[in-house]
Amino acid sequence: MAKEKNNIFELMLIGGIVPKDHSGWPKAWKLVDRAIKLSADLNTSTSVDQIRERLSELIGNPVDSSTMVFIPFYTNFGRHIKLGKNVFVNHACTFLDLGGITIEDDVQIGPKVNLITENHPLAPLNRKSLDLGSILIKRNAWLGAACTILPGVTVGENSVVAAGAVVTKDVPDNTVVAGIPAKVVKHLDAN
């Protein structure tokens, strides 16, 4: 466990508070700088294949040929994003992924969707620390335009998040959620 406390990247993926004075921040900021440069390159791509190639470099894993991401695409880190097969990500999405974002197969993500794994403690003296929680978008989910998924949330299999919703709690499988904060408004037949 002591090793996990010393490795900021493992600590990020565990979730919870990462102190503002953690000794690993200089290493993390180097990867943030890398993400800024690679994001600029990504957002000047001129083909879907070039987007996949540059996004693969940014996240550190190959993006499957069945997955399509439209630019502009924004991230502050990139290395904690996992994309499945046959995923579609529309224009102007923001993935703040220090806490980890996993998107399973067959997910559709509308334009201007925000996946935010990062928050800050409320206490003024500790507010520059990070409070991280991973996001999981399960198979065949659909995230509507301009919705926001907050830290620690799982969106269930086959579920739909309505446009503009702010999701603060897990979304059960086969449901539609809407509103601020998002609430279940419909149950879907799994077929």
N, C-alpha and C. Protein backbone atom coordinates (compact mmCIF):
# COMPACT_ATOMS: atom_id res chain seq x y z
N MET A 1 0.82 -1.20 0.00
CA MET A 1 0.00 0.00 0.00
C MET A 1 0.86 1.26 0.00
N ALA A 2 2.02 1.22 0.65
CA ALA A 2 2.88 2.40 0.69
C ALA A 2 3.29 2.81 -0.71
N LYS A 3 3.54 1.83 -1.59
CA LYS A 3 3.91 2.14 -2.96
C LYS A 3 2.81 2.93 -3.65
N GLU A 4 1.55 2.52 -3.44
CA GLU A 4 0.43 3.23 -4.07
C GLU A 4 0.37 4.68 -3.62
N LYS A 5 0.66 4.94 -2.37
CA LYS A 5 0.63 6.31 -1.87
C LYS A 5 1.72 7.15 -2.50
N ASN A 6 2.83 6.52 -2.89
CA ASN A 6 3.94 7.25 -3.49
C ASN A 6 3.78 7.43 -4.99
N ASN A 7 3.04 6.56 -5.65
CA ASN A 7 2.88 6.65 -7.09
C ASN A 7 1.60 7.43 -7.40
N ILE A 8 1.75 8.64 -7.86
CA ILE A 8 0.59 9.51 -8.05
C ILE A 8 -0.38 8.96 -9.08
N PHE A 9 0.13 8.24 -10.09
CA PHE A 9 -0.74 7.73 -11.15
C PHE A 9 -1.62 6.59 -10.64
N GLU A 10 -1.05 5.73 -9.80
CA GLU A 10 -1.86 4.69 -9.17
C GLU A 10 -2.87 5.31 -8.21
N LEU A 11 -2.43 6.31 -7.46
CA LEU A 11 -3.32 6.99 -6.52
C LEU A 11 -4.50 7.64 -7.24
N MET A 12 -4.24 8.23 -8.41
CA MET A 12 -5.31 8.84 -9.20
C MET A 12 -6.38 7.81 -9.55
N LEU A 13 -5.96 6.63 -9.97
CA LEU A 13 -6.91 5.61 -10.41
C LEU A 13 -7.62 4.92 -9.25
N ILE A 14 -7.02 4.96 -8.06
CA ILE A 14 -7.70 4.44 -6.87
C ILE A 14 -8.87 5.35 -6.52
N GLY A 15 -8.70 6.65 -6.74
CA GLY A 15 -9.75 7.62 -6.44
C GLY A 15 -9.60 8.20 -5.07
N GLY A 16 -10.38 9.23 -4.82
CA GLY A 16 -10.31 9.95 -3.56
C GLY A 16 -9.39 11.14 -3.66
N ILE A 17 -8.95 11.64 -2.51
CA ILE A 17 -8.16 12.87 -2.46
C ILE A 17 -6.71 12.61 -2.84
N VAL A 18 -6.22 13.42 -3.78
CA VAL A 18 -4.79 13.47 -4.09
C VAL A 18 -4.33 14.84 -3.59
N PRO A 19 -3.50 14.84 -2.54
CA PRO A 19 -3.12 16.12 -1.92
C PRO A 19 -2.38 17.05 -2.89
N LYS A 20 -2.62 18.34 -2.72
CA LYS A 20 -1.98 19.35 -3.58
C LYS A 20 -0.47 19.34 -3.46
N ASP A 21 0.05 18.85 -2.33
CA ASP A 21 1.49 18.83 -2.11
C ASP A 21 2.11 17.45 -2.33
N HIS A 22 1.39 16.55 -3.01
CA HIS A 22 1.94 15.22 -3.29
C HIS A 22 3.22 15.36 -4.12
N SER A 23 4.24 14.59 -3.78
CA SER A 23 5.55 14.70 -4.45
C SER A 23 5.51 14.28 -5.91
N GLY A 24 4.45 13.61 -6.35
CA GLY A 24 4.36 13.15 -7.73
C GLY A 24 3.81 14.16 -8.71
N TRP A 25 3.33 15.31 -8.24
CA TRP A 25 2.73 16.29 -9.16
C TRP A 25 3.67 16.74 -10.28
N PRO A 26 4.97 16.96 -10.04
CA PRO A 26 5.83 17.35 -11.17
C PRO A 26 5.80 16.32 -12.32
N LYS A 27 5.77 15.04 -11.99
CA LYS A 27 5.67 14.00 -13.04
C LYS A 27 4.32 14.10 -13.76
N ALA A 28 3.27 14.33 -12.99
CA ALA A 28 1.94 14.44 -13.59
C ALA A 28 1.86 15.66 -14.51
N TRP A 29 2.43 16.79 -14.09
CA TRP A 29 2.38 17.99 -14.92
C TRP A 29 3.12 17.79 -16.23
N LYS A 30 4.16 16.96 -16.24
CA LYS A 30 4.85 16.67 -17.50
C LYS A 30 3.92 15.96 -18.47
N LEU A 31 3.10 15.05 -17.96
CA LEU A 31 2.15 14.35 -18.83
C LEU A 31 1.00 15.27 -19.25
N VAL A 32 0.64 16.21 -18.40
CA VAL A 32 -0.36 17.21 -18.79
C VAL A 32 0.19 18.06 -19.94
N ASP A 33 1.44 18.49 -19.83
CA ASP A 33 2.07 19.24 -20.93
C ASP A 33 2.08 18.43 -22.22
N ARG A 34 2.38 17.15 -22.10
CA ARG A 34 2.37 16.25 -23.26
C ARG A 34 0.97 16.20 -23.87
N ALA A 35 -0.05 16.10 -23.02
CA ALA A 35 -1.43 16.04 -23.50
C ALA A 35 -1.82 17.32 -24.22
N ILE A 36 -1.35 18.45 -23.74
CA ILE A 36 -1.65 19.73 -24.41
C ILE A 36 -1.08 19.73 -25.81
N LYS A 37 0.16 19.31 -25.96
CA LYS A 37 0.79 19.28 -27.28
C LYS A 37 0.09 18.28 -28.20
N LEU A 38 -0.14 17.07 -27.70
CA LEU A 38 -0.77 16.05 -28.54
C LEU A 38 -2.22 16.40 -28.88
N SER A 39 -2.91 17.08 -27.97
CA SER A 39 -4.28 17.51 -28.25
C SER A 39 -4.31 18.53 -29.38
N ALA A 40 -3.34 19.44 -29.39
CA ALA A 40 -3.26 20.42 -30.48
C ALA A 40 -3.05 19.71 -31.81
N ASP A 41 -2.17 18.71 -31.84
CA ASP A 41 -1.96 17.93 -33.06
C ASP A 41 -3.23 17.18 -33.46
N LEU A 42 -3.87 16.55 -32.48
CA LEU A 42 -5.10 15.80 -32.73
C LEU A 42 -6.16 16.69 -33.37
N ASN A 43 -6.31 17.88 -32.84
CA ASN A 43 -7.39 18.76 -33.29
C ASN A 43 -7.10 19.48 -34.60
N THR A 44 -5.97 19.16 -35.23
CA THR A 44 -5.69 19.63 -36.59
C THR A 44 -5.69 18.47 -37.58
N SER A 45 -6.16 17.32 -37.15
CA SER A 45 -6.22 16.15 -38.03
C SER A 45 -7.12 16.43 -39.22
N THR A 46 -6.81 15.76 -40.33
CA THR A 46 -7.57 15.98 -41.56
C THR A 46 -8.29 14.73 -42.06
N SER A 47 -8.29 13.66 -41.27
CA SER A 47 -9.03 12.45 -41.64
C SER A 47 -9.36 11.65 -40.39
N VAL A 48 -10.35 10.78 -40.51
CA VAL A 48 -10.74 9.93 -39.39
C VAL A 48 -9.58 9.02 -39.00
N ASP A 49 -8.85 8.50 -39.97
CA ASP A 49 -7.71 7.64 -39.67
C ASP A 49 -6.62 8.40 -38.91
N GLN A 50 -6.38 9.63 -39.32
CA GLN A 50 -5.37 10.44 -38.63
C GLN A 50 -5.82 10.75 -37.20
N ILE A 51 -7.13 11.00 -37.01
CA ILE A 51 -7.65 11.21 -35.66
C ILE A 51 -7.38 9.97 -34.81
N ARG A 52 -7.70 8.78 -35.33
CA ARG A 52 -7.45 7.54 -34.56
C ARG A 52 -5.98 7.40 -34.21
N GLU A 53 -5.11 7.67 -35.17
CA GLU A 53 -3.67 7.54 -34.95
C GLU A 53 -3.19 8.49 -33.84
N ARG A 54 -3.60 9.73 -33.92
CA ARG A 54 -3.15 10.73 -32.94
C ARG A 54 -3.80 10.51 -31.58
N LEU A 55 -5.06 10.11 -31.57
CA LEU A 55 -5.72 9.81 -30.30
C LEU A 55 -5.08 8.59 -29.64
N SER A 56 -4.71 7.60 -30.44
CA SER A 56 -4.01 6.42 -29.90
C SER A 56 -2.72 6.83 -29.20
N GLU A 57 -1.98 7.74 -29.80
CA GLU A 57 -0.75 8.23 -29.16
C GLU A 57 -1.07 8.97 -27.86
N LEU A 58 -2.10 9.78 -27.87
CA LEU A 58 -2.47 10.56 -26.70
C LEU A 58 -2.88 9.67 -25.53
N ILE A 59 -3.70 8.64 -25.79
CA ILE A 59 -4.19 7.81 -24.69
C ILE A 59 -3.26 6.63 -24.38
N GLY A 60 -2.31 6.36 -25.26
CA GLY A 60 -1.33 5.32 -25.00
C GLY A 60 -1.81 3.92 -25.32
N ASN A 61 -2.91 3.81 -26.07
CA ASN A 61 -3.45 2.52 -26.50
C ASN A 61 -4.07 2.68 -27.88
N PRO A 62 -4.03 1.63 -28.70
CA PRO A 62 -4.63 1.75 -30.04
C PRO A 62 -6.14 1.97 -29.96
N VAL A 63 -6.63 2.91 -30.76
CA VAL A 63 -8.06 3.12 -30.92
C VAL A 63 -8.51 2.19 -32.05
N ASP A 64 -9.49 1.35 -31.76
CA ASP A 64 -9.96 0.36 -32.73
C ASP A 64 -10.48 1.05 -34.00
N SER A 65 -10.31 0.40 -35.13
CA SER A 65 -10.74 0.97 -36.41
C SER A 65 -12.25 1.13 -36.49
N SER A 66 -13.00 0.46 -35.63
CA SER A 66 -14.46 0.60 -35.62
C SER A 66 -14.93 1.81 -34.79
N THR A 67 -14.01 2.44 -34.07
CA THR A 67 -14.34 3.59 -33.23
C THR A 67 -14.07 4.88 -33.98
N MET A 68 -15.01 5.82 -33.86
CA MET A 68 -14.88 7.10 -34.55
C MET A 68 -15.00 8.24 -33.54
N VAL A 69 -14.03 9.13 -33.58
CA VAL A 69 -14.02 10.31 -32.72
C VAL A 69 -13.92 11.52 -33.63
N PHE A 70 -14.85 12.48 -33.46
CA PHE A 70 -14.81 13.73 -34.21
C PHE A 70 -14.08 14.78 -33.39
N ILE A 71 -13.39 15.65 -34.10
CA ILE A 71 -12.70 16.76 -33.44
C ILE A 71 -13.56 18.01 -33.56
N PRO A 72 -13.37 18.99 -32.69
CA PRO A 72 -12.37 19.00 -31.63
C PRO A 72 -12.71 18.05 -30.49
N PHE A 73 -11.66 17.57 -29.86
CA PHE A 73 -11.75 16.67 -28.71
C PHE A 73 -10.80 17.22 -27.66
N TYR A 74 -11.27 17.30 -26.42
CA TYR A 74 -10.47 17.93 -25.36
C TYR A 74 -10.22 16.95 -24.21
N THR A 75 -8.97 16.92 -23.76
CA THR A 75 -8.62 16.17 -22.56
C THR A 75 -7.44 16.88 -21.90
N ASN A 76 -7.31 16.70 -20.60
CA ASN A 76 -6.20 17.32 -19.88
C ASN A 76 -5.08 16.34 -19.56
N PHE A 77 -5.30 15.06 -19.85
CA PHE A 77 -4.32 14.05 -19.47
C PHE A 77 -4.21 12.96 -20.54
N GLY A 78 -5.31 12.29 -20.83
CA GLY A 78 -5.36 11.32 -21.91
C GLY A 78 -4.98 9.90 -21.53
N ARG A 79 -3.99 9.73 -20.71
CA ARG A 79 -3.45 8.39 -20.40
C ARG A 79 -4.41 7.52 -19.59
N HIS A 80 -5.46 8.09 -19.03
CA HIS A 80 -6.41 7.30 -18.25
C HIS A 80 -7.75 7.14 -18.96
N ILE A 81 -7.72 7.21 -20.30
CA ILE A 81 -8.91 6.97 -21.12
C ILE A 81 -8.78 5.60 -21.76
N LYS A 82 -9.86 4.79 -21.64
CA LYS A 82 -9.94 3.50 -22.32
C LYS A 82 -11.17 3.51 -23.20
N LEU A 83 -10.98 3.29 -24.50
CA LEU A 83 -12.08 3.29 -25.47
C LEU A 83 -12.31 1.90 -26.02
N GLY A 84 -13.56 1.47 -26.03
CA GLY A 84 -13.91 0.17 -26.57
C GLY A 84 -14.03 0.19 -28.09
N LYS A 85 -14.65 -0.86 -28.61
CA LYS A 85 -14.88 -0.98 -30.05
C LYS A 85 -16.24 -0.40 -30.42
N ASN A 86 -16.33 0.08 -31.66
CA ASN A 86 -17.57 0.60 -32.20
C ASN A 86 -18.15 1.72 -31.34
N VAL A 87 -17.26 2.57 -30.84
CA VAL A 87 -17.65 3.75 -30.05
C VAL A 87 -17.72 4.94 -31.00
N PHE A 88 -18.69 5.81 -30.78
CA PHE A 88 -18.79 7.06 -31.53
C PHE A 88 -18.77 8.22 -30.55
N VAL A 89 -17.84 9.16 -30.77
CA VAL A 89 -17.72 10.37 -29.96
C VAL A 89 -17.87 11.56 -30.90
N ASN A 90 -18.91 12.36 -30.69
CA ASN A 90 -19.20 13.49 -31.56
C ASN A 90 -18.31 14.68 -31.22
N HIS A 91 -18.51 15.79 -31.92
CA HIS A 91 -17.69 17.00 -31.81
C HIS A 91 -17.70 17.62 -30.42
N ALA A 92 -16.57 18.22 -30.05
CA ALA A 92 -16.43 19.13 -28.91
C ALA A 92 -16.69 18.48 -27.55
N CYS A 93 -16.30 17.22 -27.41
CA CYS A 93 -16.43 16.55 -26.11
C CYS A 93 -15.19 16.82 -25.26
N THR A 94 -15.41 16.83 -23.94
CA THR A 94 -14.32 17.05 -22.98
C THR A 94 -14.25 15.86 -22.05
N PHE A 95 -13.08 15.22 -21.99
CA PHE A 95 -12.83 14.09 -21.11
C PHE A 95 -11.71 14.49 -20.13
N LEU A 96 -12.06 14.88 -18.92
CA LEU A 96 -11.06 15.15 -17.89
C LEU A 96 -10.84 13.84 -17.14
N ASP A 97 -9.74 13.18 -17.46
CA ASP A 97 -9.57 11.76 -17.16
C ASP A 97 -8.54 11.42 -16.09
N LEU A 98 -8.11 12.34 -15.27
CA LEU A 98 -7.12 11.98 -14.25
C LEU A 98 -7.59 10.81 -13.40
N GLY A 99 -8.88 10.75 -13.09
CA GLY A 99 -9.45 9.68 -12.27
C GLY A 99 -9.77 8.41 -13.03
N GLY A 100 -9.69 8.43 -14.35
CA GLY A 100 -9.94 7.25 -15.18
C GLY A 100 -11.31 7.26 -15.83
N ILE A 101 -11.33 7.08 -17.15
CA ILE A 101 -12.57 6.99 -17.92
C ILE A 101 -12.50 5.71 -18.75
N THR A 102 -13.50 4.85 -18.57
CA THR A 102 -13.62 3.63 -19.39
C THR A 102 -14.93 3.70 -20.15
N ILE A 103 -14.82 3.56 -21.47
CA ILE A 103 -15.98 3.55 -22.34
C ILE A 103 -16.01 2.20 -23.03
N GLU A 104 -17.03 1.40 -22.71
CA GLU A 104 -17.14 0.06 -23.27
C GLU A 104 -17.61 0.10 -24.72
N ASP A 105 -17.75 -1.07 -25.33
CA ASP A 105 -18.13 -1.19 -26.74
C ASP A 105 -19.52 -0.63 -27.02
N ASP A 106 -19.69 -0.15 -28.24
CA ASP A 106 -20.99 0.26 -28.81
C ASP A 106 -21.61 1.48 -28.14
N VAL A 107 -20.81 2.30 -27.49
CA VAL A 107 -21.32 3.51 -26.82
C VAL A 107 -21.40 4.65 -27.84
N GLN A 108 -22.47 5.46 -27.73
CA GLN A 108 -22.64 6.67 -28.53
C GLN A 108 -22.56 7.88 -27.60
N ILE A 109 -21.74 8.85 -27.99
CA ILE A 109 -21.57 10.05 -27.19
C ILE A 109 -21.86 11.26 -28.07
N GLY A 110 -22.85 12.04 -27.67
CA GLY A 110 -23.27 13.21 -28.44
C GLY A 110 -22.28 14.35 -28.34
N PRO A 111 -22.55 15.44 -29.10
CA PRO A 111 -21.65 16.59 -29.09
C PRO A 111 -21.67 17.30 -27.73
N LYS A 112 -20.53 17.87 -27.40
CA LYS A 112 -20.34 18.69 -26.20
C LYS A 112 -20.59 17.95 -24.89
N VAL A 113 -20.44 16.64 -24.90
CA VAL A 113 -20.57 15.86 -23.67
C VAL A 113 -19.32 16.07 -22.81
N ASN A 114 -19.51 16.15 -21.50
CA ASN A 114 -18.42 16.33 -20.54
C ASN A 114 -18.34 15.12 -19.62
N LEU A 115 -17.20 14.45 -19.62
CA LEU A 115 -16.92 13.37 -18.67
C LEU A 115 -15.85 13.90 -17.72
N ILE A 116 -16.24 14.14 -16.47
CA ILE A 116 -15.39 14.86 -15.52
C ILE A 116 -15.08 13.95 -14.33
N THR A 117 -13.84 13.48 -14.23
CA THR A 117 -13.46 12.60 -13.12
C THR A 117 -12.84 13.37 -11.97
N GLU A 118 -12.79 14.67 -12.07
CA GLU A 118 -12.05 15.49 -11.12
C GLU A 118 -12.95 16.48 -10.41
N ASN A 119 -12.74 16.60 -9.11
CA ASN A 119 -13.43 17.57 -8.29
C ASN A 119 -12.42 18.09 -7.28
N HIS A 120 -12.85 18.98 -6.42
CA HIS A 120 -11.98 19.54 -5.38
C HIS A 120 -12.72 19.50 -4.04
N PRO A 121 -11.99 19.32 -2.95
CA PRO A 121 -12.62 19.40 -1.63
C PRO A 121 -13.23 20.78 -1.40
N LEU A 122 -14.28 20.83 -0.60
CA LEU A 122 -14.94 22.10 -0.31
C LEU A 122 -14.15 22.97 0.65
N ALA A 123 -13.40 22.36 1.55
CA ALA A 123 -12.65 23.13 2.56
C ALA A 123 -11.66 24.07 1.87
N PRO A 124 -11.73 25.37 2.15
CA PRO A 124 -10.88 26.34 1.46
C PRO A 124 -9.38 26.03 1.52
N LEU A 125 -8.89 25.54 2.66
CA LEU A 125 -7.46 25.28 2.79
C LEU A 125 -7.01 24.06 1.99
N ASN A 126 -7.93 23.21 1.61
CA ASN A 126 -7.57 21.99 0.88
C ASN A 126 -8.11 22.00 -0.55
N ARG A 127 -8.65 23.11 -0.99
CA ARG A 127 -9.35 23.17 -2.27
C ARG A 127 -8.45 22.95 -3.48
N LYS A 128 -7.16 23.13 -3.38
CA LYS A 128 -6.26 22.90 -4.52
C LYS A 128 -5.90 21.42 -4.67
N SER A 129 -6.28 20.60 -3.70
CA SER A 129 -6.13 19.15 -3.85
C SER A 129 -7.19 18.67 -4.83
N LEU A 130 -7.03 17.45 -5.31
CA LEU A 130 -8.02 16.87 -6.21
C LEU A 130 -8.77 15.75 -5.51
N ASP A 131 -10.05 15.64 -5.81
CA ASP A 131 -10.90 14.55 -5.35
C ASP A 131 -11.35 13.82 -6.61
N LEU A 132 -10.79 12.64 -6.84
CA LEU A 132 -10.97 11.92 -8.10
C LEU A 132 -11.92 10.75 -7.96
N GLY A 133 -12.66 10.47 -9.02
CA GLY A 133 -13.54 9.31 -9.09
C GLY A 133 -13.67 8.86 -10.52
N SER A 134 -13.46 7.59 -10.78
CA SER A 134 -13.50 7.08 -12.15
C SER A 134 -14.91 7.10 -12.72
N ILE A 135 -15.00 7.14 -14.03
CA ILE A 135 -16.26 7.08 -14.76
C ILE A 135 -16.24 5.83 -15.61
N LEU A 136 -17.35 5.09 -15.59
CA LEU A 136 -17.52 3.91 -16.43
C LEU A 136 -18.80 4.09 -17.24
N ILE A 137 -18.67 4.03 -18.57
CA ILE A 137 -19.83 4.07 -19.46
C ILE A 137 -19.95 2.66 -20.04
N LYS A 138 -20.99 1.96 -19.64
CA LYS A 138 -21.14 0.55 -20.02
C LYS A 138 -21.66 0.39 -21.45
N ARG A 139 -21.56 -0.83 -21.92
CA ARG A 139 -21.88 -1.21 -23.29
C ARG A 139 -23.23 -0.65 -23.76
N ASN A 140 -23.21 -0.12 -24.96
CA ASN A 140 -24.40 0.32 -25.68
C ASN A 140 -25.14 1.48 -25.01
N ALA A 141 -24.47 2.22 -24.14
CA ALA A 141 -25.09 3.42 -23.56
C ALA A 141 -25.05 4.55 -24.59
N TRP A 142 -25.94 5.52 -24.41
CA TRP A 142 -26.01 6.68 -25.28
C TRP A 142 -26.04 7.93 -24.41
N LEU A 143 -25.04 8.78 -24.58
CA LEU A 143 -24.96 10.03 -23.83
C LEU A 143 -25.39 11.16 -24.75
N GLY A 144 -26.50 11.82 -24.42
CA GLY A 144 -27.06 12.88 -25.25
C GLY A 144 -26.23 14.15 -25.21
N ALA A 145 -26.49 15.00 -26.19
CA ALA A 145 -25.73 16.23 -26.38
C ALA A 145 -25.64 17.05 -25.09
N ALA A 146 -24.43 17.51 -24.82
CA ALA A 146 -24.14 18.46 -23.74
C ALA A 146 -24.51 17.95 -22.34
N CYS A 147 -24.59 16.64 -22.17
CA CYS A 147 -24.77 16.14 -20.81
C CYS A 147 -23.42 16.14 -20.10
N THR A 148 -23.46 16.08 -18.78
CA THR A 148 -22.25 16.06 -17.97
C THR A 148 -22.33 14.88 -17.01
N ILE A 149 -21.27 14.07 -17.02
CA ILE A 149 -21.15 12.93 -16.10
C ILE A 149 -20.07 13.31 -15.09
N LEU A 150 -20.42 13.28 -13.81
CA LEU A 150 -19.51 13.73 -12.75
C LEU A 150 -18.71 12.57 -12.15
N PRO A 151 -17.70 12.87 -11.33
CA PRO A 151 -16.79 11.83 -10.82
C PRO A 151 -17.51 10.69 -10.11
N GLY A 152 -16.99 9.48 -10.37
CA GLY A 152 -17.45 8.30 -9.66
C GLY A 152 -18.70 7.65 -10.22
N VAL A 153 -19.20 8.13 -11.35
CA VAL A 153 -20.48 7.66 -11.90
C VAL A 153 -20.27 6.52 -12.89
N THR A 154 -21.17 5.52 -12.81
CA THR A 154 -21.28 4.47 -13.82
C THR A 154 -22.61 4.66 -14.53
N VAL A 155 -22.56 4.68 -15.87
CA VAL A 155 -23.77 4.72 -16.69
C VAL A 155 -24.00 3.29 -17.17
N GLY A 156 -25.16 2.74 -16.83
CA GLY A 156 -25.45 1.33 -17.07
C GLY A 156 -25.61 0.94 -18.52
N GLU A 157 -25.53 -0.35 -18.75
CA GLU A 157 -25.67 -0.94 -20.08
C GLU A 157 -27.01 -0.55 -20.70
N ASN A 158 -26.97 -0.17 -21.97
CA ASN A 158 -28.15 0.20 -22.77
C ASN A 158 -28.84 1.46 -22.30
N SER A 159 -28.31 2.16 -21.33
CA SER A 159 -28.99 3.33 -20.78
C SER A 159 -28.78 4.56 -21.65
N VAL A 160 -29.67 5.55 -21.45
CA VAL A 160 -29.63 6.80 -22.19
C VAL A 160 -29.59 7.94 -21.18
N VAL A 161 -28.66 8.87 -21.40
CA VAL A 161 -28.61 10.10 -20.62
C VAL A 161 -29.11 11.20 -21.54
N ALA A 162 -30.21 11.85 -21.16
CA ALA A 162 -30.82 12.88 -22.00
C ALA A 162 -29.90 14.08 -22.19
N ALA A 163 -30.10 14.78 -23.28
CA ALA A 163 -29.33 15.98 -23.57
C ALA A 163 -29.42 16.96 -22.41
N GLY A 164 -28.28 17.52 -22.04
CA GLY A 164 -28.23 18.54 -21.01
C GLY A 164 -28.29 18.04 -19.57
N ALA A 165 -28.46 16.74 -19.36
CA ALA A 165 -28.56 16.20 -18.01
C ALA A 165 -27.22 16.34 -17.29
N VAL A 166 -27.28 16.44 -15.96
CA VAL A 166 -26.09 16.41 -15.12
C VAL A 166 -26.22 15.18 -14.22
N VAL A 167 -25.32 14.21 -14.45
CA VAL A 167 -25.43 12.92 -13.78
C VAL A 167 -24.47 12.90 -12.58
N THR A 168 -25.07 12.79 -11.39
CA THR A 168 -24.30 12.82 -10.14
C THR A 168 -24.27 11.47 -9.45
N LYS A 169 -25.13 10.52 -9.90
CA LYS A 169 -25.22 9.19 -9.30
C LYS A 169 -25.27 8.15 -10.39
N ASP A 170 -24.96 6.91 -10.04
CA ASP A 170 -24.97 5.82 -11.02
C ASP A 170 -26.32 5.72 -11.72
N VAL A 171 -26.27 5.38 -13.00
CA VAL A 171 -27.46 5.18 -13.82
C VAL A 171 -27.66 3.68 -13.98
N PRO A 172 -28.81 3.14 -13.57
CA PRO A 172 -29.05 1.70 -13.71
C PRO A 172 -29.08 1.27 -15.18
N ASP A 173 -28.81 0.00 -15.42
CA ASP A 173 -28.95 -0.56 -16.77
C ASP A 173 -30.36 -0.31 -17.30
N ASN A 174 -30.47 -0.15 -18.61
CA ASN A 174 -31.77 -0.10 -19.31
C ASN A 174 -32.71 0.97 -18.78
N THR A 175 -32.17 2.17 -18.55
CA THR A 175 -33.00 3.29 -18.10
C THR A 175 -32.67 4.53 -18.91
N VAL A 176 -33.58 5.51 -18.85
CA VAL A 176 -33.34 6.84 -19.39
C VAL A 176 -33.32 7.78 -18.19
N VAL A 177 -32.28 8.62 -18.12
CA VAL A 177 -32.22 9.64 -17.08
C VAL A 177 -32.22 11.01 -17.73
N ALA A 178 -32.80 11.99 -17.01
CA ALA A 178 -32.87 13.35 -17.53
C ALA A 178 -32.89 14.31 -16.35
N GLY A 179 -32.52 15.56 -16.62
CA GLY A 179 -32.64 16.61 -15.63
C GLY A 179 -31.35 16.95 -14.91
N ILE A 180 -31.49 17.92 -13.99
CA ILE A 180 -30.37 18.38 -13.17
C ILE A 180 -30.85 18.42 -11.72
N PRO A 181 -30.38 17.53 -10.88
CA PRO A 181 -29.57 16.35 -11.21
C PRO A 181 -30.42 15.31 -11.93
N ALA A 182 -29.76 14.47 -12.70
CA ALA A 182 -30.46 13.46 -13.50
C ALA A 182 -31.19 12.46 -12.62
N LYS A 183 -32.39 12.13 -13.06
CA LYS A 183 -33.23 11.13 -12.38
C LYS A 183 -33.80 10.18 -13.43
N VAL A 184 -34.11 8.96 -13.03
CA VAL A 184 -34.70 7.99 -13.96
C VAL A 184 -36.09 8.48 -14.36
N VAL A 185 -36.30 8.57 -15.68
CA VAL A 185 -37.60 8.99 -16.21
C VAL A 185 -38.29 7.88 -17.00
N LYS A 186 -37.53 6.81 -17.30
CA LYS A 186 -38.11 5.73 -18.10
C LYS A 186 -37.25 4.47 -17.94
N HIS A 187 -37.91 3.34 -17.99
CA HIS A 187 -37.22 2.05 -18.02
C HIS A 187 -37.36 1.49 -19.42
N LEU A 188 -36.27 0.90 -19.94
CA LEU A 188 -36.23 0.39 -21.30
C LEU A 188 -36.32 -1.12 -21.31
N ASP A 189 -36.95 -1.65 -22.35
CA ASP A 189 -36.94 -3.09 -22.59
C ASP A 189 -35.53 -3.44 -23.05
N ALA A 190 -34.91 -4.41 -22.46
CA ALA A 190 -33.52 -4.78 -22.76
C ALA A 190 -33.36 -5.35 -24.17
N ASN A 191 -34.43 -5.66 -24.85
CA ASN A 191 -34.32 -6.22 -26.21
C ASN A 191 -34.23 -5.15 -27.23
